[in-house]
N, C-alpha and C. Protein backbone atom coordinates (compact mmCIF):
# COMPACT_ATOMS: atom_id res chain seq x y z
N MET A 1 105.99 83.92 123.80
CA MET A 1 105.04 83.19 122.99
C MET A 1 105.82 82.37 121.98
N SER A 2 105.28 81.21 121.69
CA SER A 2 105.95 80.40 120.68
C SER A 2 105.02 79.33 120.14
N ILE A 3 105.45 78.81 118.99
CA ILE A 3 104.74 77.72 118.33
C ILE A 3 105.78 76.67 117.97
N LYS A 4 105.47 75.42 118.26
CA LYS A 4 106.34 74.31 117.84
C LYS A 4 105.50 73.34 117.04
N LYS A 5 106.06 72.86 115.94
CA LYS A 5 105.36 71.93 115.06
C LYS A 5 106.10 70.60 115.03
N GLN A 6 105.33 69.52 115.18
CA GLN A 6 105.90 68.18 115.07
C GLN A 6 105.03 67.38 114.11
N PHE A 7 105.57 67.10 112.94
CA PHE A 7 104.80 66.36 111.94
C PHE A 7 104.83 64.88 112.28
N VAL A 8 103.66 64.23 112.16
CA VAL A 8 103.50 62.82 112.47
C VAL A 8 103.58 62.05 111.15
N LYS A 9 104.57 61.17 111.03
CA LYS A 9 104.79 60.46 109.77
C LYS A 9 103.66 59.49 109.44
N THR A 10 103.03 58.93 110.46
CA THR A 10 102.02 57.89 110.23
C THR A 10 100.60 58.44 110.08
N LYS A 11 100.42 59.74 110.30
CA LYS A 11 99.09 60.35 110.20
C LYS A 11 99.19 61.67 109.45
N PRO A 12 98.08 62.08 108.81
CA PRO A 12 98.11 63.37 108.09
C PRO A 12 97.86 64.56 109.00
N VAL A 13 98.56 64.59 110.15
CA VAL A 13 98.38 65.68 111.12
C VAL A 13 99.74 66.21 111.56
N CYS A 14 99.69 67.39 112.13
CA CYS A 14 100.86 68.02 112.74
C CYS A 14 100.48 68.33 114.18
N LYS A 15 101.32 67.88 115.12
CA LYS A 15 101.10 68.22 116.53
C LYS A 15 101.68 69.62 116.74
N VAL A 16 100.82 70.56 117.07
CA VAL A 16 101.25 71.94 117.24
C VAL A 16 101.14 72.31 118.71
N THR A 17 102.26 72.77 119.27
CA THR A 17 102.29 73.22 120.66
C THR A 17 102.26 74.74 120.66
N PHE A 18 101.22 75.29 121.28
CA PHE A 18 101.07 76.74 121.44
C PHE A 18 101.48 77.09 122.87
N SER A 19 102.36 78.07 123.03
CA SER A 19 102.77 78.53 124.36
C SER A 19 102.68 80.05 124.41
N VAL A 20 102.12 80.54 125.49
CA VAL A 20 102.02 81.99 125.65
C VAL A 20 102.27 82.32 127.12
N GLU A 21 103.18 83.28 127.35
CA GLU A 21 103.49 83.70 128.71
C GLU A 21 102.48 84.74 129.14
N ALA A 22 101.80 84.46 130.25
CA ALA A 22 100.79 85.38 130.77
C ALA A 22 100.68 85.14 132.28
N LYS A 23 101.72 85.54 133.00
CA LYS A 23 101.82 85.25 134.43
C LYS A 23 100.65 85.77 135.25
N GLU A 24 100.11 86.92 134.87
CA GLU A 24 99.03 87.53 135.65
C GLU A 24 97.64 87.03 135.23
N ALA A 25 97.58 86.28 134.14
CA ALA A 25 96.28 85.85 133.59
C ALA A 25 95.71 84.67 134.37
N ASN A 26 94.40 84.57 134.32
CA ASN A 26 93.70 83.44 134.95
C ASN A 26 93.39 82.34 133.96
N VAL A 27 93.14 82.72 132.70
CA VAL A 27 92.74 81.73 131.70
C VAL A 27 93.26 82.18 130.34
N ALA A 28 93.65 81.19 129.52
CA ALA A 28 94.10 81.48 128.16
C ALA A 28 93.69 80.33 127.25
N SER A 29 93.39 80.69 126.01
CA SER A 29 92.99 79.72 125.00
C SER A 29 93.61 80.12 123.67
N VAL A 30 93.67 79.16 122.76
CA VAL A 30 94.02 79.47 121.37
C VAL A 30 92.76 79.18 120.55
N VAL A 31 92.38 80.13 119.72
CA VAL A 31 91.18 79.98 118.90
C VAL A 31 91.55 80.22 117.45
N GLY A 32 90.83 79.55 116.56
CA GLY A 32 91.12 79.73 115.14
C GLY A 32 90.23 78.90 114.26
N ASP A 33 90.61 78.88 112.98
CA ASP A 33 89.84 78.11 112.00
C ASP A 33 89.74 76.64 112.37
N PHE A 34 90.73 76.13 113.08
CA PHE A 34 90.79 74.71 113.40
C PHE A 34 89.85 74.29 114.53
N ASN A 35 89.29 75.24 115.28
CA ASN A 35 88.35 74.89 116.35
C ASN A 35 87.13 75.82 116.39
N ASN A 36 86.77 76.36 115.23
CA ASN A 36 85.60 77.23 115.10
C ASN A 36 85.66 78.44 116.02
N TRP A 37 86.87 78.92 116.33
CA TRP A 37 87.06 80.11 117.17
C TRP A 37 86.41 79.95 118.54
N ASN A 38 86.39 78.71 119.06
CA ASN A 38 85.73 78.39 120.31
C ASN A 38 86.77 78.29 121.44
N PRO A 39 86.80 79.25 122.38
CA PRO A 39 87.79 79.21 123.45
C PRO A 39 87.77 77.93 124.29
N SER A 40 86.60 77.33 124.50
CA SER A 40 86.56 76.12 125.32
C SER A 40 87.22 74.94 124.61
N GLU A 41 87.29 74.97 123.28
CA GLU A 41 87.95 73.89 122.54
C GLU A 41 89.45 74.12 122.42
N GLY A 42 89.92 75.30 122.81
CA GLY A 42 91.34 75.62 122.70
C GLY A 42 91.98 76.00 124.01
N GLU A 43 91.42 75.50 125.11
CA GLU A 43 91.95 75.87 126.43
C GLU A 43 93.41 75.45 126.57
N LEU A 44 94.19 76.35 127.16
CA LEU A 44 95.60 76.07 127.43
C LEU A 44 95.78 75.87 128.93
N SER A 45 96.71 75.01 129.30
CA SER A 45 96.98 74.72 130.71
C SER A 45 98.03 75.68 131.25
N LYS A 46 97.82 76.19 132.45
CA LYS A 46 98.78 77.10 133.06
C LYS A 46 99.85 76.31 133.80
N LEU A 47 101.11 76.60 133.45
CA LEU A 47 102.24 75.97 134.11
C LEU A 47 102.69 76.82 135.30
N LYS A 48 103.52 76.25 136.17
CA LYS A 48 103.97 76.95 137.37
C LYS A 48 104.73 78.24 137.06
N ASN A 49 105.40 78.28 135.88
CA ASN A 49 106.18 79.47 135.53
C ASN A 49 105.34 80.59 134.91
N GLY A 50 104.02 80.39 134.85
CA GLY A 50 103.13 81.43 134.33
C GLY A 50 102.85 81.32 132.84
N THR A 51 103.41 80.31 132.20
CA THR A 51 103.17 80.09 130.77
C THR A 51 101.95 79.20 130.59
N PHE A 52 101.12 79.53 129.61
CA PHE A 52 99.99 78.68 129.24
C PHE A 52 100.43 77.86 128.02
N LYS A 53 100.07 76.57 128.02
CA LYS A 53 100.57 75.69 126.96
C LYS A 53 99.51 74.65 126.60
N GLY A 54 99.46 74.29 125.31
CA GLY A 54 98.56 73.25 124.86
C GLY A 54 99.04 72.66 123.55
N VAL A 55 98.73 71.38 123.32
CA VAL A 55 99.11 70.68 122.10
C VAL A 55 97.84 70.27 121.36
N PHE A 56 97.80 70.58 120.06
CA PHE A 56 96.63 70.29 119.24
C PHE A 56 97.06 69.59 117.96
N ASP A 57 96.29 68.59 117.54
CA ASP A 57 96.52 67.92 116.27
C ASP A 57 95.79 68.67 115.18
N LEU A 58 96.54 69.26 114.23
CA LEU A 58 95.94 69.99 113.12
C LEU A 58 96.18 69.23 111.83
N PRO A 59 95.13 69.06 111.00
CA PRO A 59 95.33 68.43 109.70
C PRO A 59 96.38 69.20 108.90
N LYS A 60 97.35 68.45 108.33
CA LYS A 60 98.45 69.13 107.66
C LYS A 60 98.10 69.52 106.22
N ASP A 61 99.04 70.21 105.59
CA ASP A 61 98.88 70.77 104.24
C ASP A 61 97.75 71.80 104.21
N ALA A 62 97.73 72.66 105.24
CA ALA A 62 96.69 73.69 105.34
C ALA A 62 97.26 74.92 106.06
N ALA A 63 96.52 76.02 105.95
CA ALA A 63 96.84 77.26 106.66
C ALA A 63 95.64 77.61 107.54
N TYR A 64 95.91 78.02 108.76
CA TYR A 64 94.85 78.35 109.70
C TYR A 64 95.08 79.73 110.30
N GLU A 65 94.02 80.55 110.35
CA GLU A 65 94.07 81.81 111.07
C GLU A 65 93.81 81.50 112.55
N PHE A 66 94.49 82.24 113.44
CA PHE A 66 94.30 82.00 114.87
C PHE A 66 94.71 83.22 115.69
N LYS A 67 94.30 83.20 116.96
CA LYS A 67 94.70 84.19 117.96
C LYS A 67 94.67 83.51 119.32
N TYR A 68 95.32 84.14 120.29
CA TYR A 68 95.16 83.73 121.68
C TYR A 68 94.06 84.58 122.30
N VAL A 69 93.35 84.01 123.28
CA VAL A 69 92.41 84.76 124.09
C VAL A 69 92.93 84.66 125.53
N ILE A 70 93.41 85.79 126.04
CA ILE A 70 93.99 85.82 127.38
C ILE A 70 93.11 86.70 128.25
N ASP A 71 92.43 86.08 129.21
CA ASP A 71 91.48 86.78 130.08
C ASP A 71 90.51 87.64 129.25
N GLY A 72 90.04 87.09 128.13
CA GLY A 72 89.05 87.76 127.30
C GLY A 72 89.62 88.69 126.24
N ALA A 73 90.92 88.97 126.26
CA ALA A 73 91.55 89.86 125.27
C ALA A 73 92.20 89.03 124.16
N TYR A 74 91.94 89.44 122.91
CA TYR A 74 92.52 88.74 121.77
C TYR A 74 93.94 89.26 121.53
N VAL A 75 94.89 88.32 121.38
CA VAL A 75 96.30 88.64 121.22
C VAL A 75 96.89 87.82 120.09
N ASN A 76 97.68 88.46 119.22
CA ASN A 76 98.36 87.74 118.15
C ASN A 76 99.65 87.11 118.64
N GLU A 77 100.04 86.04 117.98
CA GLU A 77 101.32 85.38 118.21
C GLU A 77 102.37 86.05 117.33
N PRO A 78 103.37 86.73 117.92
CA PRO A 78 104.35 87.41 117.09
C PRO A 78 105.17 86.47 116.22
N GLU A 79 105.26 85.19 116.60
CA GLU A 79 106.03 84.22 115.83
C GLU A 79 105.17 83.45 114.83
N ALA A 80 103.97 83.95 114.52
CA ALA A 80 103.11 83.29 113.52
C ALA A 80 103.84 83.25 112.18
N ASP A 81 103.48 82.28 111.34
CA ASP A 81 104.12 82.15 110.03
C ASP A 81 103.85 83.37 109.15
N SER A 82 102.66 83.96 109.31
CA SER A 82 102.32 85.19 108.60
C SER A 82 101.10 85.80 109.29
N PHE A 83 100.61 86.91 108.73
CA PHE A 83 99.43 87.57 109.28
C PHE A 83 98.48 87.87 108.14
N LYS A 84 97.18 87.83 108.42
CA LYS A 84 96.17 88.06 107.39
C LYS A 84 95.08 88.98 107.95
N TRP A 85 94.71 89.99 107.16
CA TRP A 85 93.65 90.90 107.56
C TRP A 85 92.32 90.15 107.57
N ASN A 86 91.53 90.39 108.62
CA ASN A 86 90.22 89.77 108.74
C ASN A 86 89.18 90.89 108.84
N ASP A 87 88.34 91.04 107.81
CA ASP A 87 87.33 92.10 107.81
C ASP A 87 86.32 91.94 108.94
N PHE A 88 85.96 90.69 109.26
CA PHE A 88 84.96 90.44 110.31
C PHE A 88 85.46 90.98 111.65
N ALA A 89 86.73 90.72 111.97
CA ALA A 89 87.29 91.16 113.24
C ALA A 89 87.84 92.58 113.17
N GLY A 90 88.11 93.07 111.95
CA GLY A 90 88.67 94.41 111.80
C GLY A 90 90.11 94.50 112.28
N THR A 91 90.83 93.39 112.15
CA THR A 91 92.23 93.32 112.61
C THR A 91 92.93 92.19 111.89
N GLU A 92 94.22 92.08 112.11
CA GLU A 92 94.97 90.97 111.54
C GLU A 92 94.93 89.77 112.49
N ASN A 93 94.90 88.59 111.90
CA ASN A 93 95.02 87.35 112.64
C ASN A 93 96.36 86.72 112.29
N GLY A 94 96.92 85.96 113.23
CA GLY A 94 98.10 85.18 112.92
C GLY A 94 97.71 84.02 112.03
N VAL A 95 98.65 83.54 111.23
CA VAL A 95 98.43 82.39 110.35
C VAL A 95 99.50 81.36 110.64
N ILE A 96 99.08 80.10 110.78
CA ILE A 96 100.02 78.99 110.95
C ILE A 96 99.88 78.07 109.74
N LEU A 97 101.03 77.68 109.18
CA LEU A 97 101.06 76.77 108.04
C LEU A 97 101.54 75.43 108.51
N VAL A 98 100.75 74.39 108.25
CA VAL A 98 101.16 73.03 108.62
C VAL A 98 101.05 72.10 107.44
């Protein structure tokens, strides 16, 4: 799993690439504050090597809670910038700072 950030000088956004290895999975998404926790808005594409990957433009100078949804199971990104307890979910969410 990994996160790559590319700041765009001409726009107030950061292109964030989310990658998660899930060779046996059929579908994976990234959900969070930036897409209303909606899996269909955070769908990741499956590559031949079994990694799911997607690039999203996130408004910069902000922090977003997020998780992956892999075949319906919520999974944290171990390389998240930090983690935050979420009472609604009863678990920690990953946090990305852009």
